[in-house]
Amino acid sequence: MQKNFQAAESDLFIFSDGAKTDADKAAVEDVRRVAAEATGFRSVQVIAREQNMGLANSIIAGVTQLVNEYGSVIVFEDDLVSSRYTLQYFNDALARYAHEERVMHISAYMFPLQDEGLPETFFFRTAFSWGWATWASAWKNFEPDIDKLMAAFDEEKINQFSIQGTMNFWKQMQDFKARNNNSWAIRWYASVFLNKGLTLNPSRSLIHNIGHDGTGVHSNIENMYGVQVAQQPVKYYPEILQENKQAYEAIKYFLKNRKGSLLQRGLRFAKQLMIKSLPHKK
């Protein structure tokens, strides 16, 4: 991220969660030493947690702290690779839509869509979490209580929320309630959705997630979400505040077909089993 345009004018806050076990403490300290040596930004501050908060609570606390102090925040997790223009995109969008209450979230990642006719950026309903930004005015609508969120859904809203059943967003809600995941992101998307919020998205991704090698939390070994990040700055931002129907259909098509044929799924599953069975280097 330090190679981004505008990095030198940006204040970087690195939130380092506490070690889960005593065995992890040395590795956590190593990471913190590397973080403290980060350069290329106006300032660098490492916020070192004494206790392990977990992914969700750590992000929620960090975002809340920064939006309360600065009014907006740009969030990167540690398994993301950005374009040189990602910070510029975020800053331009944060300034442009700062007073548009319906615009609640800015995403930098986008699936490898096949529709070449999409505008550079568009509004959509889903709040994708691989590189994102928001304002204090939007974040105040975040509802962490899964029971309150789920109670606000009916069958039709579940269908709309899950992009007509092409993505397992509702299952993620159910899994969180059952304590099978610890996702802050699905609760944030649900909060945006229930408030009829819009999210800004690029048609060509400005982020690539490298956490799909099996090391990322809530990620599997897969490459269907791999992208080549855009190498041009974003120039176009929509003026009309409504979901782009063409983009909706392109995303729905991708989600519906992303896993491929039964043969392709079988080959991918076999590859995952093979990778998991390989001996790990010490």
C-alpha atoms as a PDB file:
ATOM      1  CA  MET A   1       0.000   0.000   0.000  1.00  0.00           C
ATOM      2  CA  GLN A   2       2.960   2.333   0.507  1.00  0.00           C
ATOM      3  CA  LYS A   3       3.367   2.473  -3.306  1.00  0.00           C
ATOM      4  CA  ASN A   4      -0.089   4.026  -3.654  1.00  0.00           C
ATOM      5  CA  PHE A   5      -0.423   7.564  -4.856  1.00  0.00           C
ATOM      6  CA  GLN A   6      -1.407   9.675  -1.812  1.00  0.00           C
ATOM      7  CA  ALA A   7       0.243   7.243   0.635  1.00  0.00           C
ATOM      8  CA  ALA A   8       2.689   9.971   1.688  1.00  0.00           C
ATOM      9  CA  GLU A   9      -0.262  12.173   2.688  1.00  0.00           C
ATOM     10  CA  SER A  10      -1.991   9.380   4.619  1.00  0.00           C
ATOM     11  CA  ASP A  11      -1.902   8.469   8.306  1.00  0.00           C
ATOM     12  CA  LEU A  12      -1.577   4.696   8.751  1.00  0.00           C
ATOM     13  CA  PHE A  13      -3.051   2.977  11.800  1.00  0.00           C
ATOM     14  CA  ILE A  14      -2.078  -0.676  12.227  1.00  0.00           C
ATOM     15  CA  PHE A  15      -4.261  -2.621  14.654  1.00  0.00           C
ATOM     16  CA  SER A  16      -2.431  -5.657  15.994  1.00  0.00           C
ATOM     17  CA  ASP A  17      -4.592  -8.104  17.933  1.00  0.00           C
ATOM     18  CA  GLY A  18      -3.253  -9.823  21.020  1.00  0.00           C
ATOM     19  CA  ALA A  19      -1.875 -13.349  20.842  1.00  0.00           C
ATOM     20  CA  LYS A  20      -4.417 -16.169  21.137  1.00  0.00           C
ATOM     21  CA  THR A  21      -2.016 -18.358  23.113  1.00  0.00           C
ATOM     22  CA  ASP A  22       1.352 -18.005  24.805  1.00  0.00           C
ATOM     23  CA  ALA A  23       2.860 -19.939  21.904  1.00  0.00           C
ATOM     24  CA  ASP A  24       1.778 -17.138  19.536  1.00  0.00           C
ATOM     25  CA  LYS A  25       3.318 -14.261  21.504  1.00  0.00           C
ATOM     26  CA  ALA A  26       6.733 -14.327  19.849  1.00  0.00           C
ATOM     27  CA  ALA A  27       5.215 -14.305  16.340  1.00  0.00           C
ATOM     28  CA  VAL A  28       2.903 -11.425  17.271  1.00  0.00           C
ATOM     29  CA  GLU A  29       5.867  -9.409  18.575  1.00  0.00           C
ATOM     30  CA  ASP A  30       7.755 -10.096  15.351  1.00  0.00           C
ATOM     31  CA  VAL A  31       4.829  -8.785  13.316  1.00  0.00           C
ATOM     32  CA  ARG A  32       4.595  -5.682  15.486  1.00  0.00           C
ATOM     33  CA  ARG A  33       8.282  -4.909  14.993  1.00  0.00           C
ATOM     34  CA  VAL A  34       7.834  -5.130  11.220  1.00  0.00           C
ATOM     35  CA  ALA A  35       4.694  -2.948  11.407  1.00  0.00           C
ATOM     36  CA  ALA A  36       6.470  -0.274  13.436  1.00  0.00           C
ATOM     37  CA  GLU A  37       9.129   0.015  10.716  1.00  0.00           C
ATOM     38  CA  ALA A  38       6.598   0.803   7.972  1.00  0.00           C
ATOM     39  CA  THR A  39       7.546   3.829   5.875  1.00  0.00           C
ATOM     40  CA  GLY A  40       6.069   5.834   3.036  1.00  0.00           C
ATOM     41  CA  PHE A  41       3.184   7.347   5.012  1.00  0.00           C
ATOM     42  CA  ARG A  42       2.723  10.696   6.732  1.00  0.00           C
ATOM     43  CA  SER A  43       2.580   8.876  10.049  1.00  0.00           C
ATOM     44  CA  VAL A  44       2.455   5.284  11.284  1.00  0.00           C
ATOM     45  CA  GLN A  45       0.849   4.242  14.557  1.00  0.00           C
ATOM     46  CA  VAL A  46       0.682   0.640  15.798  1.00  0.00           C
ATOM     47  CA  ILE A  47      -2.216  -0.060  18.162  1.00  0.00           C
ATOM     48  CA  ALA A  48      -1.123  -3.190  20.029  1.00  0.00           C
ATOM     49  CA  ARG A  49      -3.887  -5.035  21.845  1.00  0.00           C
ATOM     50  CA  GLU A  50      -2.887  -6.728  25.071  1.00  0.00           C
ATOM     51  CA  GLN A  51      -5.688  -9.297  24.839  1.00  0.00           C
ATOM     52  CA  ASN A  52      -6.929 -11.256  21.840  1.00  0.00           C
ATOM     53  CA  MET A  53     -10.160  -9.634  20.665  1.00  0.00           C
ATOM     54  CA  GLY A  54     -10.710 -11.833  17.612  1.00  0.00           C
ATOM     55  CA  LEU A  55     -11.090 -10.661  14.021  1.00  0.00           C
ATOM     56  CA  ALA A  56     -14.627  -9.271  14.253  1.00  0.00           C
ATOM     57  CA  ASN A  57     -14.295  -7.375  17.527  1.00  0.00           C
ATOM     58  CA  SER A  58     -10.894  -6.016  16.539  1.00  0.00           C
ATOM     59  CA  ILE A  59     -12.176  -4.571  13.259  1.00  0.00           C
ATOM     60  CA  ILE A  60     -15.377  -3.213  14.791  1.00  0.00           C
ATOM     61  CA  ALA A  61     -13.441  -1.490  17.580  1.00  0.00           C
ATOM     62  CA  GLY A  62     -10.832  -0.099  15.199  1.00  0.00           C
ATOM     63  CA  VAL A  63     -13.345   1.255  12.701  1.00  0.00           C
ATOM     64  CA  THR A  64     -15.444   2.794  15.478  1.00  0.00           C
ATOM     65  CA  GLN A  65     -12.407   4.471  17.009  1.00  0.00           C
ATOM     66  CA  LEU A  66     -11.216   6.008  13.745  1.00  0.00           C
ATOM     67  CA  VAL A  67     -14.560   7.186  12.352  1.00  0.00           C
ATOM     68  CA  ASN A  68     -15.341   8.817  15.698  1.00  0.00           C
ATOM     69  CA  GLU A  69     -12.021  10.663  15.586  1.00  0.00           C
ATOM     70  CA  TYR A  70     -11.692  11.434  11.874  1.00  0.00           C
ATOM     71  CA  GLY A  71     -15.205  11.100  10.404  1.00  0.00           C
ATOM     72  CA  SER A  72     -14.241   8.421   7.882  1.00  0.00           C
ATOM     73  CA  VAL A  73     -11.926   5.433   7.529  1.00  0.00           C
ATOM     74  CA  ILE A  74     -10.270   3.313   4.833  1.00  0.00           C
ATOM     75  CA  VAL A  75      -9.834  -0.326   5.862  1.00  0.00           C
ATOM     76  CA  PHE A  76      -7.317  -2.854   4.557  1.00  0.00           C
ATOM     77  CA  GLU A  77      -6.761  -6.306   6.008  1.00  0.00           C
ATOM     78  CA  ASP A  78      -3.314  -7.834   5.812  1.00  0.00           C
ATOM     79  CA  ASP A  79      -3.952 -10.244   2.924  1.00  0.00           C
ATOM     80  CA  LEU A  80      -4.804  -7.637   0.281  1.00  0.00           C
ATOM     81  CA  VAL A  81      -2.736  -6.346  -2.640  1.00  0.00           C
ATOM     82  CA  SER A  82      -3.804  -2.968  -3.992  1.00  0.00           C
ATOM     83  CA  SER A  83      -3.448  -0.988  -7.182  1.00  0.00           C
ATOM     84  CA  ARG A  84      -1.346   2.189  -7.078  1.00  0.00           C
ATOM     85  CA  TYR A  85      -4.622   4.061  -7.468  1.00  0.00           C
ATOM     86  CA  THR A  86      -6.639   2.460  -4.667  1.00  0.00           C
ATOM     87  CA  LEU A  87      -6.107   5.179  -2.054  1.00  0.00           C
ATOM     88  CA  GLN A  88      -6.889   7.857  -4.624  1.00  0.00           C
ATOM     89  CA  TYR A  89     -10.145   6.081  -5.471  1.00  0.00           C
ATOM     90  CA  PHE A  90     -11.139   5.856  -1.822  1.00  0.00           C
ATOM     91  CA  ASN A  91     -10.292   9.474  -1.041  1.00  0.00           C
ATOM     92  CA  ASP A  92     -12.075  10.802  -4.127  1.00  0.00           C
ATOM     93  CA  ALA A  93     -15.189   8.737  -3.355  1.00  0.00           C
ATOM     94  CA  LEU A  94     -15.191   9.640   0.341  1.00  0.00           C
ATOM     95  CA  ALA A  95     -15.115  13.336  -0.589  1.00  0.00           C
ATOM     96  CA  ARG A  96     -17.674  13.067  -3.393  1.00  0.00           C
ATOM     97  CA  TYR A  97     -20.351  11.187  -1.415  1.00  0.00           C
ATOM     98  CA  ALA A  98     -19.627  12.525   2.080  1.00  0.00           C
ATOM     99  CA  HIS A  99     -23.058  14.137   2.367  1.00  0.00           C
ATOM    100  CA  GLU A 100     -25.074  11.449   0.588  1.00  0.00           C
ATOM    101  CA  GLU A 101     -26.560   9.442   3.448  1.00  0.00           C
ATOM    102  CA  ARG A 102     -27.774   6.664   1.183  1.00  0.00           C
ATOM    103  CA  VAL A 103     -24.200   5.906   0.076  1.00  0.00           C
ATOM    104  CA  MET A 104     -22.919   3.945   3.058  1.00  0.00           C
ATOM    105  CA  HIS A 105     -19.907   1.973   1.859  1.00  0.00           C
ATOM    106  CA  ILE A 106     -17.119   2.075  -0.740  1.00  0.00           C
ATOM    107  CA  SER A 107     -15.647  -1.194  -2.014  1.00  0.00           C
ATOM    108  CA  ALA A 108     -12.355  -1.555  -3.897  1.00  0.00           C
ATOM    109  CA  TYR A 109     -12.621  -5.244  -4.854  1.00  0.00           C
ATOM    110  CA  MET A 110     -14.759  -6.516  -7.698  1.00  0.00           C
ATOM    111  CA  PHE A 111     -15.233 -10.002  -9.123  1.00  0.00           C
ATOM    112  CA  PRO A 112     -13.742 -10.770 -12.567  1.00  0.00           C
ATOM    113  CA  LEU A 113     -16.902  -9.790 -14.430  1.00  0.00           C
ATOM    114  CA  GLN A 114     -17.398 -10.560 -18.121  1.00  0.00           C
ATOM    115  CA  ASP A 115     -19.447  -7.469 -19.013  1.00  0.00           C
ATOM    116  CA  GLU A 116     -17.090  -5.006 -20.716  1.00  0.00           C
ATOM    117  CA  GLY A 117     -19.833  -2.388 -21.010  1.00  0.00           C
ATOM    118  CA  LEU A 118     -20.002  -1.473 -17.330  1.00  0.00           C
ATOM    119  CA  PRO A 119     -19.089   2.040 -16.204  1.00  0.00           C
ATOM    120  CA  GLU A 120     -15.860   2.550 -14.235  1.00  0.00           C
ATOM    121  CA  THR A 121     -17.846   2.643 -10.996  1.00  0.00           C
ATOM    122  CA  PHE A 122     -21.420   1.814 -10.084  1.00  0.00           C
ATOM    123  CA  PHE A 123     -23.762   1.461  -7.141  1.00  0.00           C
ATOM    124  CA  PHE A 124     -24.739  -1.963  -5.829  1.00  0.00           C
ATOM    125  CA  ARG A 125     -26.355  -3.338  -2.673  1.00  0.00           C
ATOM    126  CA  THR A 126     -23.672  -5.611  -1.224  1.00  0.00           C
ATOM    127  CA  ALA A 127     -20.953  -4.282   1.091  1.00  0.00           C
ATOM    128  CA  PHE A 128     -17.859  -6.227   0.031  1.00  0.00           C
ATOM    129  CA  SER A 129     -15.124  -6.206   2.661  1.00  0.00           C
ATOM    130  CA  TRP A 130     -11.872  -6.735   0.725  1.00  0.00           C
ATOM    131  CA  GLY A 131     -10.656  -3.150   0.929  1.00  0.00           C
ATOM    132  CA  TRP A 132     -13.400  -0.721   1.887  1.00  0.00           C
ATOM    133  CA  ALA A 133     -14.215   2.668   3.340  1.00  0.00           C
ATOM    134  CA  THR A 134     -17.072   4.363   5.146  1.00  0.00           C
ATOM    135  CA  TRP A 135     -18.104   7.434   7.112  1.00  0.00           C
ATOM    136  CA  ALA A 136     -19.145   7.924  10.730  1.00  0.00           C
ATOM    137  CA  SER A 137     -22.609   8.903   9.468  1.00  0.00           C
ATOM    138  CA  ALA A 138     -23.009   5.444   7.880  1.00  0.00           C
ATOM    139  CA  TRP A 139     -21.199   3.401  10.531  1.00  0.00           C
ATOM    140  CA  LYS A 140     -23.604   4.637  13.202  1.00  0.00           C
ATOM    141  CA  ASN A 141     -26.163   2.327  11.539  1.00  0.00           C
ATOM    142  CA  PHE A 142     -24.049  -0.763  12.170  1.00  0.00           C
ATOM    143  CA  GLU A 143     -26.105  -3.292  14.163  1.00  0.00           C
ATOM    144  CA  PRO A 144     -23.946  -5.993  15.787  1.00  0.00           C
ATOM    145  CA  ASP A 145     -26.914  -7.902  17.289  1.00  0.00           C
ATOM    146  CA  ILE A 146     -27.593 -10.810  14.928  1.00  0.00           C
ATOM    147  CA  ASP A 147     -31.046 -11.470  16.426  1.00  0.00           C
ATOM    148  CA  LYS A 148     -32.197  -7.908  15.732  1.00  0.00           C
ATOM    149  CA  LEU A 149     -30.872  -8.116  12.192  1.00  0.00           C
ATOM    150  CA  MET A 150     -32.455 -11.475  11.382  1.00  0.00           C
ATOM    151  CA  ALA A 151     -35.803 -10.412  12.826  1.00  0.00           C
ATOM    152  CA  ALA A 152     -35.993  -7.633  10.231  1.00  0.00           C
ATOM    153  CA  PHE A 153     -35.870 -10.063   7.286  1.00  0.00           C
ATOM    154  CA  ASP A 154     -38.763 -11.790   5.560  1.00  0.00           C
ATOM    155  CA  GLU A 155     -38.592 -14.277   2.686  1.00  0.00           C
ATOM    156  CA  GLU A 156     -38.488 -11.608  -0.001  1.00  0.00           C
ATOM    157  CA  LYS A 157     -35.748  -9.633   1.750  1.00  0.00           C
ATOM    158  CA  ILE A 158     -33.699 -12.822   2.165  1.00  0.00           C
ATOM    159  CA  ASN A 159     -33.988 -13.406  -1.596  1.00  0.00           C
ATOM    160  CA  GLN A 160     -32.900  -9.838  -2.370  1.00  0.00           C
ATOM    161  CA  PHE A 161     -30.126  -9.979   0.239  1.00  0.00           C
ATOM    162  CA  SER A 162     -28.676 -13.167  -1.280  1.00  0.00           C
ATOM    163  CA  ILE A 163     -28.805 -11.843  -4.869  1.00  0.00           C
ATOM    164  CA  GLN A 164     -31.623 -14.226  -5.756  1.00  0.00           C
ATOM    165  CA  GLY A 165     -29.961 -17.152  -4.028  1.00  0.00           C
ATOM    166  CA  THR A 166     -26.671 -16.913  -5.926  1.00  0.00           C
ATOM    167  CA  MET A 167     -24.591 -16.142  -2.818  1.00  0.00           C
ATOM    168  CA  ASN A 168     -24.785 -17.655   0.671  1.00  0.00           C
ATOM    169  CA  PHE A 169     -25.174 -14.378   2.547  1.00  0.00           C
ATOM    170  CA  TRP A 170     -28.188 -15.586   4.533  1.00  0.00           C
ATOM    171  CA  LYS A 171     -26.356 -18.775   5.476  1.00  0.00           C
ATOM    172  CA  GLN A 172     -23.508 -16.603   6.748  1.00  0.00           C
ATOM    173  CA  MET A 173     -26.054 -14.893   9.002  1.00  0.00           C
ATOM    174  CA  GLN A 174     -27.323 -18.245  10.236  1.00  0.00           C
ATOM    175  CA  ASP A 175     -23.770 -19.488  10.758  1.00  0.00           C
ATOM    176  CA  PHE A 176     -22.896 -16.436  12.813  1.00  0.00           C
ATOM    177  CA  LYS A 177     -25.946 -16.983  14.998  1.00  0.00           C
ATOM    178  CA  ALA A 178     -24.892 -20.633  15.414  1.00  0.00           C
ATOM    179  CA  ARG A 179     -21.332 -19.458  16.257  1.00  0.00           C
ATOM    180  CA  ASN A 180     -19.888 -21.178  13.219  1.00  0.00           C
ATOM    181  CA  ASN A 181     -18.235 -17.976  12.024  1.00  0.00           C
ATOM    182  CA  ASN A 182     -17.197 -14.694  13.605  1.00  0.00           C
ATOM    183  CA  SER A 183     -17.990 -12.338  10.760  1.00  0.00           C
ATOM    184  CA  TRP A 184     -18.334  -8.614  11.289  1.00  0.00           C
ATOM    185  CA  ALA A 185     -18.740  -8.168   7.509  1.00  0.00           C
ATOM    186  CA  ILE A 186     -22.035 -10.040   7.112  1.00  0.00           C
ATOM    187  CA  ARG A 187     -23.567  -7.965   9.906  1.00  0.00           C
ATOM    188  CA  TRP A 188     -22.316  -4.766   8.298  1.00  0.00           C
ATOM    189  CA  TYR A 189     -23.777  -5.777   4.915  1.00  0.00           C
ATOM    190  CA  ALA A 190     -27.083  -6.640   6.615  1.00  0.00           C
ATOM    191  CA  SER A 191     -27.057  -3.228   8.325  1.00  0.00           C
ATOM    192  CA  VAL A 192     -26.448  -1.476   5.001  1.00  0.00           C
ATOM    193  CA  PHE A 193     -29.103  -3.567   3.250  1.00  0.00           C
ATOM    194  CA  LEU A 194     -31.792  -2.976   5.891  1.00  0.00           C
ATOM    195  CA  ASN A 195     -31.131   0.767   5.755  1.00  0.00           C
ATOM    196  CA  LYS A 196     -31.581   0.680   1.955  1.00  0.00           C
ATOM    197  CA  GLY A 197     -27.974   1.767   1.592  1.00  0.00           C
ATOM    198  CA  LEU A 198     -25.886   1.809  -1.564  1.00  0.00           C
ATOM    199  CA  THR A 199     -22.283   0.743  -1.994  1.00  0.00           C
ATOM    200  CA  LEU A 200     -19.891   2.171  -4.573  1.00  0.00           C
ATOM    201  CA  ASN A 201     -17.885  -0.394  -6.547  1.00  0.00           C
ATOM    202  CA  PRO A 202     -15.301  -0.362  -9.359  1.00  0.00           C
ATOM    203  CA  SER A 203     -16.005  -2.462 -12.447  1.00  0.00           C
ATOM    204  CA  ARG A 204     -12.302  -3.404 -12.554  1.00  0.00           C
ATOM    205  CA  SER A 205     -10.958  -4.462  -9.192  1.00  0.00           C
ATOM    206  CA  LEU A 206      -8.496  -2.244  -7.348  1.00  0.00           C
ATOM    207  CA  ILE A 207      -7.778  -5.048  -4.850  1.00  0.00           C
ATOM    208  CA  HIS A 208      -6.572  -8.638  -5.106  1.00  0.00           C
ATOM    209  CA  ASN A 209      -7.089 -10.941  -2.113  1.00  0.00           C
ATOM    210  CA  ILE A 210      -4.147 -13.319  -1.601  1.00  0.00           C
ATOM    211  CA  GLY A 211      -5.778 -14.989   1.426  1.00  0.00           C
ATOM    212  CA  HIS A 212      -7.413 -17.757  -0.612  1.00  0.00           C
ATOM    213  CA  ASP A 213      -4.452 -20.073  -0.199  1.00  0.00           C
ATOM    214  CA  GLY A 214      -6.022 -21.505   2.945  1.00  0.00           C
ATOM    215  CA  THR A 215      -4.340 -19.051   5.317  1.00  0.00           C
ATOM    216  CA  GLY A 216      -7.092 -16.424   5.406  1.00  0.00           C
ATOM    217  CA  VAL A 217      -9.791 -16.399   8.071  1.00  0.00           C
ATOM    218  CA  HIS A 218     -13.146 -17.442   6.523  1.00  0.00           C
ATOM    219  CA  SER A 219     -11.364 -18.279   3.237  1.00  0.00           C
ATOM    220  CA  ASN A 220     -10.875 -21.558   1.380  1.00  0.00           C
ATOM    221  CA  ILE A 221      -8.208 -22.714  -1.077  1.00  0.00           C
ATOM    222  CA  GLU A 222      -9.638 -21.389  -4.333  1.00  0.00           C
ATOM    223  CA  ASN A 223      -8.831 -19.070  -7.223  1.00  0.00           C
ATOM    224  CA  MET A 224     -12.262 -18.185  -8.600  1.00  0.00           C
ATOM    225  CA  TYR A 225     -12.022 -14.710  -7.051  1.00  0.00           C
ATOM    226  CA  GLY A 226      -8.587 -13.937  -8.474  1.00  0.00           C
ATOM    227  CA  VAL A 227      -8.237 -10.692 -10.437  1.00  0.00           C
ATOM    228  CA  GLN A 228      -5.681  -8.480 -12.138  1.00  0.00           C
ATOM    229  CA  VAL A 229      -5.841  -5.148 -10.346  1.00  0.00           C
ATOM    230  CA  ALA A 230      -6.602  -2.072 -12.436  1.00  0.00           C
ATOM    231  CA  GLN A 231      -3.582  -0.009 -13.451  1.00  0.00           C
ATOM    232  CA  GLN A 232      -5.465   3.177 -14.277  1.00  0.00           C
ATOM    233  CA  PRO A 233      -6.964   5.792 -11.952  1.00  0.00           C
ATOM    234  CA  VAL A 234     -10.731   5.934 -11.600  1.00  0.00           C
ATOM    235  CA  LYS A 235     -12.205   9.005 -13.280  1.00  0.00           C
ATOM    236  CA  TYR A 236     -15.954   8.335 -13.337  1.00  0.00           C
ATOM    237  CA  TYR A 237     -18.308   8.401 -10.365  1.00  0.00           C
ATOM    238  CA  PRO A 238     -22.093   8.056 -10.825  1.00  0.00           C
ATOM    239  CA  GLU A 239     -24.298  11.031 -10.053  1.00  0.00           C
ATOM    240  CA  ILE A 240     -27.606   9.163  -9.878  1.00  0.00           C
ATOM    241  CA  LEU A 241     -27.981   7.361  -6.556  1.00  0.00           C
ATOM    242  CA  GLN A 242     -29.476   4.035  -7.587  1.00  0.00           C
ATOM    243  CA  GLU A 243     -28.335   0.473  -8.038  1.00  0.00           C
ATOM    244  CA  ASN A 244     -26.946  -0.204 -11.498  1.00  0.00           C
ATOM    245  CA  LYS A 245     -29.160  -2.905 -13.060  1.00  0.00           C
ATOM    246  CA  GLN A 246     -26.552  -3.954 -15.624  1.00  0.00           C
ATOM    247  CA  ALA A 247     -23.953  -4.417 -12.887  1.00  0.00           C
ATOM    248  CA  TYR A 248     -26.457  -6.338 -10.774  1.00  0.00           C
ATOM    249  CA  GLU A 249     -27.036  -8.801 -13.606  1.00  0.00           C
ATOM    250  CA  ALA A 250     -23.295  -9.154 -14.282  1.00  0.00           C
ATOM    251  CA  ILE A 251     -22.551  -9.878 -10.627  1.00  0.00           C
ATOM    252  CA  LYS A 252     -25.482 -12.283 -10.357  1.00  0.00           C
ATOM    253  CA  TYR A 253     -24.242 -14.144 -13.441  1.00  0.00           C
ATOM    254  CA  PHE A 254     -20.733 -14.401 -12.006  1.00  0.00           C
ATOM    255  CA  LEU A 255     -21.965 -15.646  -8.627  1.00  0.00           C
ATOM    256  CA  LYS A 256     -24.290 -18.184 -10.218  1.00  0.00           C
ATOM    257  CA  ASN A 257     -21.544 -19.622 -12.444  1.00  0.00           C
ATOM    258  CA  ARG A 258     -18.390 -19.013 -10.411  1.00  0.00           C
ATOM    259  CA  LYS A 259     -17.981 -22.638  -9.288  1.00  0.00           C
ATOM    260  CA  GLY A 260     -18.098 -24.000 -12.824  1.00  0.00           C
ATOM    261  CA  SER A 261     -19.462 -27.344 -14.011  1.00  0.00           C
ATOM    262  CA  LEU A 262     -19.736 -30.440 -11.830  1.00  0.00           C
ATOM    263  CA  LEU A 263     -16.504 -31.706 -13.392  1.00  0.00           C
ATOM    264  CA  GLN A 264     -14.683 -28.454 -12.629  1.00  0.00           C
ATOM    265  CA  ARG A 265     -15.980 -28.503  -9.065  1.00  0.00           C
ATOM    266  CA  GLY A 266     -14.814 -32.080  -8.628  1.00  0.00           C
ATOM    267  CA  LEU A 267     -11.339 -31.273  -9.949  1.00  0.00           C
ATOM    268  CA  ARG A 268     -11.073 -28.240  -7.675  1.00  0.00           C
ATOM    269  CA  PHE A 269     -12.149 -30.283  -4.651  1.00  0.00           C
ATOM    270  CA  ALA A 270      -9.569 -32.955  -5.471  1.00  0.00           C
ATOM    271  CA  LYS A 271      -6.875 -30.282  -5.768  1.00  0.00           C
ATOM    272  CA  GLN A 272      -7.819 -28.847  -2.376  1.00  0.00           C
ATOM    273  CA  LEU A 273      -7.573 -32.289  -0.793  1.00  0.00           C
ATOM    274  CA  MET A 274      -4.186 -32.810  -2.395  1.00  0.00           C
ATOM    275  CA  ILE A 275      -2.845 -29.470  -1.169  1.00  0.00           C
ATOM    276  CA  LYS A 276      -4.099 -30.122   2.350  1.00  0.00           C
ATOM    277  CA  SER A 277      -2.431 -33.547   2.382  1.00  0.00           C
ATOM    278  CA  LEU A 278       1.005 -32.250   1.338  1.00  0.00           C
ATOM    279  CA  PRO A 279       3.586 -32.128   4.151  1.00  0.00           C
ATOM    280  CA  HIS A 280       4.138 -28.640   5.525  1.00  0.00           C
ATOM    281  CA  LYS A 281       7.650 -27.283   5.604  1.00  0.00           C
ATOM    282  CA  LYS A 282       9.036 -26.471   9.026  1.00  0.00           C
END
